[in-house]
């Protein structure tokens, strides 16, 4: 679907955002669980690692959202 109105673009971006965040969430949860269970890290280090995981997650999601929306608009395939 190539949006022709801002509302259509908004809907496309919103739907893509939900899909991407849901798709990448299991990886984030796995990283967080591994960090929480890492006995070689202090609690402060664990929190720092989890913060880095969260920042990476948001960055990855943002990149994928942009790629997917642009691919849809431009008619690009894999």
PDB file of N, CA and C in Angstrom:
ATOM      1  N   UNK A   1       0.843  -1.190   0.000  1.00  0.00           N
ATOM      2  CA  UNK A   1       0.000   0.000   0.000  1.00  0.00           C
ATOM      3  C   UNK A   1       0.882   1.245   0.000  1.00  0.00           C
ATOM      4  N   UNK A   2       0.698   2.068  -0.978  1.00  0.00           N
ATOM      5  CA  UNK A   2       1.412   3.335  -1.034  1.00  0.00           C
ATOM      6  C   UNK A   2       0.469   4.407  -0.500  1.00  0.00           C
ATOM      7  N   UNK A   3       0.819   4.995   0.639  1.00  0.00           N
ATOM      8  CA  UNK A   3      -0.061   6.004   1.215  1.00  0.00           C
ATOM      9  C   UNK A   3      -0.079   7.266   0.348  1.00  0.00           C
ATOM     10  N   UNK A   4      -1.259   7.872   0.274  1.00  0.00           N
ATOM     11  CA  UNK A   4      -1.384   9.129  -0.469  1.00  0.00           C
ATOM     12  C   UNK A   4      -1.792  10.269   0.453  1.00  0.00           C
ATOM     13  N   UNK A   5      -2.077   9.924   1.702  1.00  0.00           N
ATOM     14  CA  UNK A   5      -2.430  10.933   2.701  1.00  0.00           C
ATOM     15  C   UNK A   5      -1.611  10.684   3.963  1.00  0.00           C
ATOM     16  N   UNK A   6      -1.421  11.747   4.726  1.00  0.00           N
ATOM     17  CA  UNK A   6      -0.663  11.625   5.971  1.00  0.00           C
ATOM     18  C   UNK A   6      -1.270  10.586   6.907  1.00  0.00           C
ATOM     19  N   UNK A   7      -2.577  10.530   6.969  1.00  0.00           N
ATOM     20  CA  UNK A   7      -3.244   9.570   7.850  1.00  0.00           C
ATOM     21  C   UNK A   7      -2.924   8.141   7.434  1.00  0.00           C
ATOM     22  N   UNK A   8      -2.877   7.882   6.135  1.00  0.00           N
ATOM     23  CA  UNK A   8      -2.521   6.552   5.651  1.00  0.00           C
ATOM     24  C   UNK A   8      -1.070   6.212   5.997  1.00  0.00           C
ATOM     25  N   UNK A   9      -0.187   7.193   5.867  1.00  0.00           N
ATOM     26  CA  UNK A   9       1.214   6.997   6.241  1.00  0.00           C
ATOM     27  C   UNK A   9       1.328   6.734   7.736  1.00  0.00           C
ATOM     28  N   UNK A  10       0.593   7.487   8.523  1.00  0.00           N
ATOM     29  CA  UNK A  10       0.586   7.297   9.973  1.00  0.00           C
ATOM     30  C   UNK A  10       0.146   5.878  10.330  1.00  0.00           C
ATOM     31  N   UNK A  11      -0.900   5.409   9.651  1.00  0.00           N
ATOM     32  CA  UNK A  11      -1.399   4.061   9.907  1.00  0.00           C
ATOM     33  C   UNK A  11      -0.356   3.011   9.526  1.00  0.00           C
ATOM     34  N   UNK A  12       0.286   3.181   8.387  1.00  0.00           N
ATOM     35  CA  UNK A  12       1.324   2.255   7.940  1.00  0.00           C
ATOM     36  C   UNK A  12       2.482   2.217   8.934  1.00  0.00           C
ATOM     37  N   UNK A  13       2.933   3.380   9.364  1.00  0.00           N
ATOM     38  CA  UNK A  13       4.044   3.446  10.313  1.00  0.00           C
ATOM     39  C   UNK A  13       3.645   2.813  11.651  1.00  0.00           C
ATOM     40  N   UNK A  14       2.438   3.091  12.121  1.00  0.00           N
ATOM     41  CA  UNK A  14       1.970   2.537  13.392  1.00  0.00           C
ATOM     42  C   UNK A  14       1.883   1.017  13.332  1.00  0.00           C
ATOM     43  N   UNK A  15       1.292   0.495  12.273  1.00  0.00           N
ATOM     44  CA  UNK A  15       1.173  -0.966  12.124  1.00  0.00           C
ATOM     45  C   UNK A  15       2.548  -1.622  12.031  1.00  0.00           C
ATOM     46  N   UNK A  16       3.432  -1.019  11.284  1.00  0.00           N
ATOM     47  CA  UNK A  16       4.789  -1.550  11.144  1.00  0.00           C
ATOM     48  C   UNK A  16       5.527  -1.502  12.471  1.00  0.00           C
ATOM     49  N   UNK A  17       5.339  -0.426  13.218  1.00  0.00           N
ATOM     50  CA  UNK A  17       5.988  -0.281  14.514  1.00  0.00           C
ATOM     51  C   UNK A  17       5.571  -1.399  15.462  1.00  0.00           C
ATOM     52  N   UNK A  18       4.291  -1.667  15.537  1.00  0.00           N
ATOM     53  CA  UNK A  18       3.788  -2.731  16.416  1.00  0.00           C
ATOM     54  C   UNK A  18       4.379  -4.071  15.998  1.00  0.00           C
ATOM     55  N   UNK A  19       4.381  -4.357  14.704  1.00  0.00           N
ATOM     56  CA  UNK A  19       4.914  -5.626  14.200  1.00  0.00           C
ATOM     57  C   UNK A  19       6.392  -5.791  14.541  1.00  0.00           C
ATOM     58  N   UNK A  20       7.174  -4.758  14.310  1.00  0.00           N
ATOM     59  CA  UNK A  20       8.621  -4.841  14.529  1.00  0.00           C
ATOM     60  C   UNK A  20       8.927  -4.989  16.018  1.00  0.00           C
ATOM     61  N   UNK A  21       8.290  -4.201  16.853  1.00  0.00           N
ATOM     62  CA  UNK A  21       8.545  -4.307  18.291  1.00  0.00           C
ATOM     63  C   UNK A  21       8.166  -5.690  18.807  1.00  0.00           C
ATOM     64  N   UNK A  22       7.045  -6.234  18.335  1.00  0.00           N
ATOM     65  CA  UNK A  22       6.642  -7.579  18.761  1.00  0.00           C
ATOM     66  C   UNK A  22       7.624  -8.630  18.260  1.00  0.00           C
ATOM     67  N   UNK A  23       8.122  -8.435  17.053  1.00  0.00           N
ATOM     68  CA  UNK A  23       9.054  -9.388  16.455  1.00  0.00           C
ATOM     69  C   UNK A  23      10.392  -9.420  17.197  1.00  0.00           C
ATOM     70  N   UNK A  24      10.883  -8.271  17.621  1.00  0.00           N
ATOM     71  CA  UNK A  24      12.204  -8.192  18.239  1.00  0.00           C
ATOM     72  C   UNK A  24      12.183  -8.334  19.768  1.00  0.00           C
ATOM     73  N   UNK A  25      11.010  -8.276  20.375  1.00  0.00           N
ATOM     74  CA  UNK A  25      10.913  -8.354  21.837  1.00  0.00           C
ATOM     75  C   UNK A  25      11.501  -9.636  22.417  1.00  0.00           C
ATOM     76  N   UNK A  26      11.269 -10.812  21.834  1.00  0.00           N
ATOM     77  CA  UNK A  26      11.847 -12.025  22.429  1.00  0.00           C
ATOM     78  C   UNK A  26      13.374 -11.976  22.551  1.00  0.00           C
ATOM     79  N   UNK A  27      14.037 -11.376  21.576  1.00  0.00           N
ATOM     80  CA  UNK A  27      15.495 -11.253  21.644  1.00  0.00           C
ATOM     81  C   UNK A  27      15.911 -10.361  22.814  1.00  0.00           C
ATOM     82  N   UNK A  28      15.178  -9.274  23.010  1.00  0.00           N
ATOM     83  CA  UNK A  28      15.481  -8.379  24.122  1.00  0.00           C
ATOM     84  C   UNK A  28      15.291  -9.092  25.450  1.00  0.00           C
ATOM     85  N   UNK A  29      14.197  -9.814  25.580  1.00  0.00           N
ATOM     86  CA  UNK A  29      13.923 -10.529  26.830  1.00  0.00           C
ATOM     87  C   UNK A  29      15.026 -11.538  27.117  1.00  0.00           C
ATOM     88  N   UNK A  30      15.483 -12.232  26.083  1.00  0.00           N
ATOM     89  CA  UNK A  30      16.562 -13.206  26.257  1.00  0.00           C
ATOM     90  C   UNK A  30      17.833 -12.514  26.754  1.00  0.00           C
ATOM     91  N   UNK A  31      18.187 -11.391  26.141  1.00  0.00           N
ATOM     92  CA  UNK A  31      19.387 -10.652  26.563  1.00  0.00           C
ATOM     93  C   UNK A  31      19.270 -10.172  28.012  1.00  0.00           C
ATOM     94  N   UNK A  32      18.103  -9.673  28.367  1.00  0.00           N
ATOM     95  CA  UNK A  32      17.896  -9.194  29.738  1.00  0.00           C
ATOM     96  C   UNK A  32      18.008 -10.347  30.725  1.00  0.00           C
ATOM     97  N   UNK A  33      17.399 -11.471  30.404  1.00  0.00           N
ATOM     98  CA  UNK A  33      17.466 -12.631  31.300  1.00  0.00           C
ATOM     99  C   UNK A  33      18.894 -13.139  31.453  1.00  0.00           C
ATOM    100  N   UNK A  34      19.635 -13.188  30.363  1.00  0.00           N
ATOM    101  CA  UNK A  34      21.033 -13.612  30.434  1.00  0.00           C
ATOM    102  C   UNK A  34      21.839 -12.653  31.314  1.00  0.00           C
ATOM    103  N   UNK A  35      21.575 -11.375  31.176  1.00  0.00           N
ATOM    104  CA  UNK A  35      22.290 -10.384  31.975  1.00  0.00           C
ATOM    105  C   UNK A  35      21.935 -10.518  33.447  1.00  0.00           C
ATOM    106  N   UNK A  36      20.656 -10.673  33.748  1.00  0.00           N
ATOM    107  CA  UNK A  36      20.218 -10.824  35.142  1.00  0.00           C
ATOM    108  C   UNK A  36      20.836 -12.047  35.800  1.00  0.00           C
ATOM    109  N   UNK A  37      21.072 -13.095  35.027  1.00  0.00           N
ATOM    110  CA  UNK A  37      21.603 -14.342  35.573  1.00  0.00           C
ATOM    111  C   UNK A  37      23.126 -14.444  35.500  1.00  0.00           C
ATOM    112  N   UNK A  38      23.768 -13.391  35.060  1.00  0.00           N
ATOM    113  CA  UNK A  38      25.228 -13.385  34.961  1.00  0.00           C
ATOM    114  C   UNK A  38      25.823 -13.080  36.334  1.00  0.00           C
ATOM    115  N   UNK A  39      26.323 -14.115  36.985  1.00  0.00           N
ATOM    116  CA  UNK A  39      26.866 -13.968  38.332  1.00  0.00           C
ATOM    117  C   UNK A  39      28.170 -13.200  38.412  1.00  0.00           C
ATOM    118  N   UNK A  40      28.806 -12.967  37.271  1.00  0.00           N
ATOM    119  CA  UNK A  40      30.082 -12.246  37.298  1.00  0.00           C
ATOM    120  C   UNK A  40      29.905 -10.731  37.282  1.00  0.00           C
ATOM    121  N   UNK A  41      28.669 -10.267  37.154  1.00  0.00           N
ATOM    122  CA  UNK A  41      28.398  -8.826  37.125  1.00  0.00           C
ATOM    123  C   UNK A  41      27.802  -8.360  38.444  1.00  0.00           C
ATOM    124  N   UNK A  42      28.147  -7.154  38.833  1.00  0.00           N
ATOM    125  CA  UNK A  42      27.506  -6.549  39.998  1.00  0.00           C
ATOM    126  C   UNK A  42      26.114  -6.081  39.579  1.00  0.00           C
ATOM    127  N   UNK A  43      25.295  -5.729  40.554  1.00  0.00           N
ATOM    128  CA  UNK A  43      23.946  -5.238  40.228  1.00  0.00           C
ATOM    129  C   UNK A  43      24.009  -3.974  39.377  1.00  0.00           C
ATOM    130  N   UNK A  44      24.961  -3.103  39.680  1.00  0.00           N
ATOM    131  CA  UNK A  44      25.107  -1.870  38.901  1.00  0.00           C
ATOM    132  C   UNK A  44      25.507  -2.195  37.461  1.00  0.00           C
ATOM    133  N   UNK A  45      26.414  -3.149  37.300  1.00  0.00           N
ATOM    134  CA  UNK A  45      26.828  -3.542  35.953  1.00  0.00           C
ATOM    135  C   UNK A  45      25.664  -4.179  35.196  1.00  0.00           C
ATOM    136  N   UNK A  46      24.866  -4.969  35.883  1.00  0.00           N
ATOM    137  CA  UNK A  46      23.698  -5.575  35.255  1.00  0.00           C
ATOM    138  C   UNK A  46      22.740  -4.501  34.753  1.00  0.00           C
ATOM    139  N   UNK A  47      22.510  -3.488  35.588  1.00  0.00           N
ATOM    140  CA  UNK A  47      21.614  -2.404  35.165  1.00  0.00           C
ATOM    141  C   UNK A  47      22.177  -1.646  33.978  1.00  0.00           C
ATOM    142  N   UNK A  48      23.502  -1.420  33.980  1.00  0.00           N
ATOM    143  CA  UNK A  48      24.131  -0.758  32.836  1.00  0.00           C
ATOM    144  C   UNK A  48      23.972  -1.585  31.569  1.00  0.00           C
ATOM    145  N   UNK A  49      24.198  -2.889  31.672  1.00  0.00           N
ATOM    146  CA  UNK A  49      24.052  -3.780  30.521  1.00  0.00           C
ATOM    147  C   UNK A  49      22.614  -3.788  30.006  1.00  0.00           C
ATOM    148  N   UNK A  50      21.668  -3.847  30.927  1.00  0.00           N
ATOM    149  CA  UNK A  50      20.262  -3.844  30.525  1.00  0.00           C
ATOM    150  C   UNK A  50      19.902  -2.538  29.831  1.00  0.00           C
ATOM    151  N   UNK A  51      20.430  -1.434  30.315  1.00  0.00           N
ATOM    152  CA  UNK A  51      20.201  -0.143  29.655  1.00  0.00           C
ATOM    153  C   UNK A  51      20.752  -0.150  28.234  1.00  0.00           C
ATOM    154  N   UNK A  52      21.933  -0.732  28.054  1.00  0.00           N
ATOM    155  CA  UNK A  52      22.516  -0.830  26.713  1.00  0.00           C
ATOM    156  C   UNK A  52      21.672  -1.728  25.813  1.00  0.00           C
ATOM    157  N   UNK A  53      21.165  -2.823  26.367  1.00  0.00           N
ATOM    158  CA  UNK A  53      20.290  -3.700  25.598  1.00  0.00           C
ATOM    159  C   UNK A  53      19.046  -2.935  25.145  1.00  0.00           C
ATOM    160  N   UNK A  54      18.476  -2.146  26.044  1.00  0.00           N
ATOM    161  CA  UNK A  54      17.259  -1.390  25.710  1.00  0.00           C
ATOM    162  C   UNK A  54      17.542  -0.359  24.612  1.00  0.00           C
ATOM    163  N   UNK A  55      18.665   0.337  24.723  1.00  0.00           N
ATOM    164  CA  UNK A  55      19.005   1.324  23.695  1.00  0.00           C
ATOM    165  C   UNK A  55      19.212   0.649  22.341  1.00  0.00           C
ATOM    166  N   UNK A  56      19.884  -0.502  22.343  1.00  0.00           N
ATOM    167  CA  UNK A  56      20.098  -1.241  21.110  1.00  0.00           C
ATOM    168  C   UNK A  56      18.792  -1.727  20.510  1.00  0.00           C
ATOM    169  N   UNK A  57      17.883  -2.152  21.383  1.00  0.00           N
ATOM    170  CA  UNK A  57      16.562  -2.623  20.953  1.00  0.00           C
ATOM    171  C   UNK A  57      15.795  -1.504  20.258  1.00  0.00           C
ATOM    172  N   UNK A  58      15.765  -0.343  20.864  1.00  0.00           N
ATOM    173  CA  UNK A  58      15.046   0.787  20.277  1.00  0.00           C
ATOM    174  C   UNK A  58      15.682   1.179  18.942  1.00  0.00           C
ATOM    175  N   UNK A  59      17.004   1.202  18.888  1.00  0.00           N
ATOM    176  CA  UNK A  59      17.705   1.543  17.645  1.00  0.00           C
ATOM    177  C   UNK A  59      17.384   0.523  16.561  1.00  0.00           C
ATOM    178  N   UNK A  60      17.456  -0.756  16.900  1.00  0.00           N
ATOM    179  CA  UNK A  60      17.163  -1.802  15.926  1.00  0.00           C
ATOM    180  C   UNK A  60      15.727  -1.707  15.422  1.00  0.00           C
ATOM    181  N   UNK A  61      14.806  -1.488  16.339  1.00  0.00           N
ATOM    182  CA  UNK A  61      13.403  -1.357  15.949  1.00  0.00           C
ATOM    183  C   UNK A  61      13.208  -0.161  15.032  1.00  0.00           C
ATOM    184  N   UNK A  62      13.806   0.953  15.374  1.00  0.00           N
ATOM    185  CA  UNK A  62      13.669   2.169  14.569  1.00  0.00           C
ATOM    186  C   UNK A  62      14.202   1.943  13.160  1.00  0.00           C
ATOM    187  N   UNK A  63      15.376   1.332  13.057  1.00  0.00           N
ATOM    188  CA  UNK A  63      15.949   1.059  11.735  1.00  0.00           C
ATOM    189  C   UNK A  63      15.035   0.162  10.919  1.00  0.00           C
ATOM    190  N   UNK A  64      14.529  -0.904  11.527  1.00  0.00           N
ATOM    191  CA  UNK A  64      13.669  -1.836  10.811  1.00  0.00           C
ATOM    192  C   UNK A  64      12.349  -1.186  10.395  1.00  0.00           C
ATOM    193  N   UNK A  65      11.810  -0.332  11.235  1.00  0.00           N
ATOM    194  CA  UNK A  65      10.573   0.377  10.895  1.00  0.00           C
ATOM    195  C   UNK A  65      10.789   1.243   9.658  1.00  0.00           C
ATOM    196  N   UNK A  66      11.881   1.993   9.651  1.00  0.00           N
ATOM    197  CA  UNK A  66      12.185   2.864   8.509  1.00  0.00           C
ATOM    198  C   UNK A  66      12.353   2.040   7.243  1.00  0.00           C
ATOM    199  N   UNK A  67      13.117   0.947   7.351  1.00  0.00           N
ATOM    200  CA  UNK A  67      13.360   0.097   6.183  1.00  0.00           C
ATOM    201  C   UNK A  67      12.056  -0.496   5.660  1.00  0.00           C
ATOM    202  N   UNK A  68      11.246  -1.039   6.550  1.00  0.00           N
ATOM    203  CA  UNK A  68       9.999  -1.679   6.130  1.00  0.00           C
ATOM    204  C   UNK A  68       9.018  -0.689   5.497  1.00  0.00           C
ATOM    205  N   UNK A  69       8.880   0.481   6.102  1.00  0.00           N
ATOM    206  CA  UNK A  69       7.944   1.478   5.563  1.00  0.00           C
ATOM    207  C   UNK A  69       8.429   1.984   4.207  1.00  0.00           C
ATOM    208  N   UNK A  70       9.713   2.282   4.099  1.00  0.00           N
ATOM    209  CA  UNK A  70      10.234   2.742   2.816  1.00  0.00           C
ATOM    210  C   UNK A  70      10.129   1.649   1.749  1.00  0.00           C
ATOM    211  N   UNK A  71      10.403   0.411   2.116  1.00  0.00           N
ATOM    212  CA  UNK A  71      10.276  -0.686   1.160  1.00  0.00           C
ATOM    213  C   UNK A  71       8.847  -0.815   0.667  1.00  0.00           C
ATOM    214  N   UNK A  72       7.902  -0.664   1.574  1.00  0.00           N
ATOM    215  CA  UNK A  72       6.487  -0.744   1.187  1.00  0.00           C
ATOM    216  C   UNK A  72       6.135   0.389   0.222  1.00  0.00           C
ATOM    217  N   UNK A  73       6.558   1.588   0.539  1.00  0.00           N
ATOM    218  CA  UNK A  73       6.227   2.744  -0.288  1.00  0.00           C
ATOM    219  C   UNK A  73       6.916   2.662  -1.664  1.00  0.00           C
ATOM    220  N   UNK A  74       8.159   2.207  -1.671  1.00  0.00           N
ATOM    221  CA  UNK A  74       8.932   2.162  -2.912  1.00  0.00           C
ATOM    222  C   UNK A  74       8.735   0.869  -3.695  1.00  0.00           C
ATOM    223  N   UNK A  75       7.995  -0.080  -3.112  1.00  0.00           N
ATOM    224  CA  UNK A  75       7.739  -1.333  -3.789  1.00  0.00           C
ATOM    225  C   UNK A  75       8.958  -2.236  -3.880  1.00  0.00           C
ATOM    226  N   UNK A  76       9.836  -2.154  -2.894  1.00  0.00           N
ATOM    227  CA  UNK A  76      11.042  -2.969  -2.894  1.00  0.00           C
ATOM    228  C   UNK A  76      10.753  -4.366  -2.367  1.00  0.00           C
ATOM    229  N   UNK A  77      11.486  -5.341  -2.858  1.00  0.00           N
ATOM    230  CA  UNK A  77      11.334  -6.710  -2.357  1.00  0.00           C
ATOM    231  C   UNK A  77      12.635  -7.145  -1.696  1.00  0.00           C
ATOM    232  N   UNK A  78      12.575  -8.319  -1.082  1.00  0.00           N
ATOM    233  CA  UNK A  78      13.752  -8.838  -0.365  1.00  0.00           C
ATOM    234  C   UNK A  78      14.922  -9.016  -1.279  1.00  0.00           C
TER     235      UNK A  78
END
